[in-house]
């Protein structure tokens, strides 16, 4: 592909409609997408995939965002997209619950293809950690079973 035939970046990663409704700017989304893809690629290169590319991850994450339609893939809760770029671990530790529904990128399966991402809340991602989807579901079933026995 020649330089003149390349799709401009702003068209390649077009801001999804639901983010426009959440007053997320193109710049805010682009910065989040760049940083998120870079961080995941860097970590995954060390852990399991030496051939990971930032551009591949950026494309896969953008597709996961579009597919999410703004909701957590596991709980179907509406995510706080307006908080992109504002995560503050100190505020979370002090009990700022707005960040529990902060959008994050989750690997569906650890070590899987870079296209195997889902968007979920920080809370869900933290609970799931590196569990496979099946193992996460099994854990959730155990939690629900244990809770129902004690009520």
Protein backbone atom coordinates (compact mmCIF):
# COMPACT_ATOMS: atom_id res chain seq x y z
CA UNK A 1 0.00 0.00 0.00
CA UNK A 2 1.48 3.33 -1.00
CA UNK A 3 1.49 6.28 1.32
CA UNK A 4 -1.21 8.03 -0.74
CA UNK A 5 -3.57 5.03 -0.44
CA UNK A 6 -3.42 4.78 3.33
CA UNK A 7 -6.60 5.37 5.28
CA UNK A 8 -6.19 8.44 7.49
CA UNK A 9 -5.97 7.58 11.19
CA UNK A 10 -9.09 9.59 12.08
CA UNK A 11 -11.12 7.50 9.61
CA UNK A 12 -9.53 4.19 10.60
CA UNK A 13 -10.51 4.64 14.25
CA UNK A 14 -13.73 6.56 13.83
CA UNK A 15 -15.35 7.53 17.10
CA UNK A 16 -18.28 5.17 17.73
CA UNK A 17 -21.69 6.86 17.95
CA UNK A 18 -22.26 5.86 21.57
CA UNK A 19 -19.05 7.70 22.55
CA UNK A 20 -20.24 10.84 20.81
CA UNK A 21 -23.42 10.66 22.93
CA UNK A 22 -21.22 10.32 26.04
CA UNK A 23 -19.36 13.52 25.10
CA UNK A 24 -16.08 11.68 24.56
CA UNK A 25 -13.89 13.65 22.17
CA UNK A 26 -11.96 12.14 19.27
CA UNK A 27 -8.75 13.24 20.95
CA UNK A 28 -9.73 11.64 24.27
CA UNK A 29 -10.59 8.35 22.52
CA UNK A 30 -7.48 8.37 20.35
CA UNK A 31 -5.24 9.00 23.38
CA UNK A 32 -6.94 6.18 25.34
CA UNK A 33 -6.77 3.80 22.36
CA UNK A 34 -3.09 4.56 21.75
CA UNK A 35 -2.11 4.19 25.39
CA UNK A 36 -4.19 1.05 25.93
CA UNK A 37 -2.85 -0.69 22.82
CA UNK A 38 0.72 0.28 23.70
CA UNK A 39 0.42 -0.95 27.29
CA UNK A 40 -1.21 -4.26 26.33
CA UNK A 41 1.29 -4.90 23.53
CA UNK A 42 4.26 -4.16 25.79
CA UNK A 43 2.96 -6.47 28.52
CA UNK A 44 1.98 -9.26 26.12
CA UNK A 45 5.35 -9.21 24.36
CA UNK A 46 6.94 -9.99 27.71
CA UNK A 47 4.38 -12.62 28.68
CA UNK A 48 3.59 -14.68 25.63
CA UNK A 49 3.50 -13.01 22.23
CA UNK A 50 6.82 -11.62 20.99
CA UNK A 51 5.28 -10.69 17.61
CA UNK A 52 2.56 -8.44 19.01
CA UNK A 53 2.20 -5.09 17.26
CA UNK A 54 0.70 -1.93 18.65
CA UNK A 55 -1.20 -1.35 15.41
CA UNK A 56 -2.68 -4.87 15.55
CA UNK A 57 -3.77 -4.36 19.13
CA UNK A 58 -5.16 -0.92 18.36
CA UNK A 59 -7.31 -2.36 15.58
CA UNK A 60 -8.50 -5.26 17.77
CA UNK A 61 -9.30 -2.99 20.72
CA UNK A 62 -11.18 -0.55 18.50
CA UNK A 63 -13.27 -3.44 17.13
CA UNK A 64 -13.99 -4.60 20.70
CA UNK A 65 -15.11 -1.06 21.62
CA UNK A 66 -17.49 -0.97 18.65
CA UNK A 67 -18.85 -4.41 19.51
CA UNK A 68 -19.40 -3.40 23.15
CA UNK A 69 -21.84 -0.62 22.22
CA UNK A 70 -20.76 0.95 25.49
CA UNK A 71 -21.58 -1.96 27.81
CA UNK A 72 -19.58 -4.45 29.89
CA UNK A 73 -19.29 -7.67 27.87
CA UNK A 74 -19.84 -9.85 30.95
CA UNK A 75 -22.39 -7.97 33.08
CA UNK A 76 -24.08 -5.82 30.40
CA UNK A 77 -23.75 -2.78 32.67
CA UNK A 78 -23.38 0.62 31.00
CA UNK A 79 -19.77 1.76 31.27
CA UNK A 80 -18.58 5.23 32.35
CA UNK A 81 -16.92 6.15 29.06
CA UNK A 82 -16.84 9.82 30.01
CA UNK A 83 -14.07 8.87 32.48
CA UNK A 84 -11.60 7.83 29.75
CA UNK A 85 -8.15 9.03 30.67
CA UNK A 86 -9.18 9.97 34.21
CA UNK A 87 -8.57 6.74 36.14
CA UNK A 88 -7.05 7.47 39.52
CA UNK A 89 -6.06 4.50 41.68
CA UNK A 90 -5.83 6.73 44.76
CA UNK A 91 -9.47 7.79 44.33
CA UNK A 92 -10.50 4.17 43.85
CA UNK A 93 -8.74 3.15 47.08
CA UNK A 94 -10.60 5.96 48.83
CA UNK A 95 -13.91 4.51 47.62
CA UNK A 96 -14.65 6.53 44.47
CA UNK A 97 -17.10 4.07 42.93
CA UNK A 98 -17.39 5.94 39.60
CA UNK A 99 -14.32 4.04 38.47
CA UNK A 100 -15.82 0.61 39.12
CA UNK A 101 -17.55 0.95 35.74
CA UNK A 102 -14.54 2.53 34.03
CA UNK A 103 -13.99 0.83 30.62
CA UNK A 104 -11.06 -1.56 30.36
CA UNK A 105 -9.79 -4.07 27.80
CA UNK A 106 -9.86 -7.75 28.71
CA UNK A 107 -8.17 -10.66 26.98
CA UNK A 108 -10.84 -13.29 26.44
CA UNK A 109 -8.22 -15.98 26.95
CA UNK A 110 -4.72 -15.33 28.27
CA UNK A 111 -2.14 -15.88 25.56
CA UNK A 112 -4.75 -15.89 22.85
CA UNK A 113 -4.73 -14.03 19.56
CA UNK A 114 -4.63 -10.23 19.86
CA UNK A 115 -8.10 -10.07 18.36
CA UNK A 116 -9.56 -11.82 21.38
CA UNK A 117 -10.43 -8.71 23.39
CA UNK A 118 -13.62 -7.70 25.15
CA UNK A 119 -14.50 -4.44 26.82
CA UNK A 120 -15.57 -4.64 30.43
CA UNK A 121 -15.58 -2.58 33.59
CA UNK A 122 -12.51 -2.18 35.74
CA UNK A 123 -14.35 -4.09 38.49
CA UNK A 124 -15.16 -7.05 36.20
CA UNK A 125 -11.65 -7.11 34.74
CA UNK A 126 -10.13 -7.05 38.21
CA UNK A 127 -12.35 -9.94 39.33
CA UNK A 128 -11.68 -11.97 36.19
CA UNK A 129 -7.95 -11.31 36.23
CA UNK A 130 -6.14 -13.88 34.05
CA UNK A 131 -8.91 -16.47 34.24
CA UNK A 132 -10.21 -17.93 31.01
CA UNK A 133 -13.83 -17.13 30.21
CA UNK A 134 -14.88 -20.66 31.26
CA UNK A 135 -12.94 -20.47 34.53
CA UNK A 136 -14.43 -17.04 35.25
CA UNK A 137 -17.96 -18.37 34.67
CA UNK A 138 -17.23 -21.35 36.93
CA UNK A 139 -16.04 -19.00 39.66
CA UNK A 140 -19.13 -16.79 39.28
CA UNK A 141 -21.40 -19.86 39.56
CA UNK A 142 -19.63 -20.87 42.77
CA UNK A 143 -20.09 -17.39 44.21
CA UNK A 144 -23.80 -17.34 43.35
CA UNK A 145 -24.29 -20.86 44.75
CA UNK A 146 -22.49 -19.97 47.98
CA UNK A 147 -24.49 -16.76 48.35
CA UNK A 148 -27.84 -18.46 47.74
CA UNK A 149 -27.21 -21.09 50.40
CA UNK A 150 -26.77 -18.44 53.08
CA UNK A 151 -29.78 -16.21 52.51
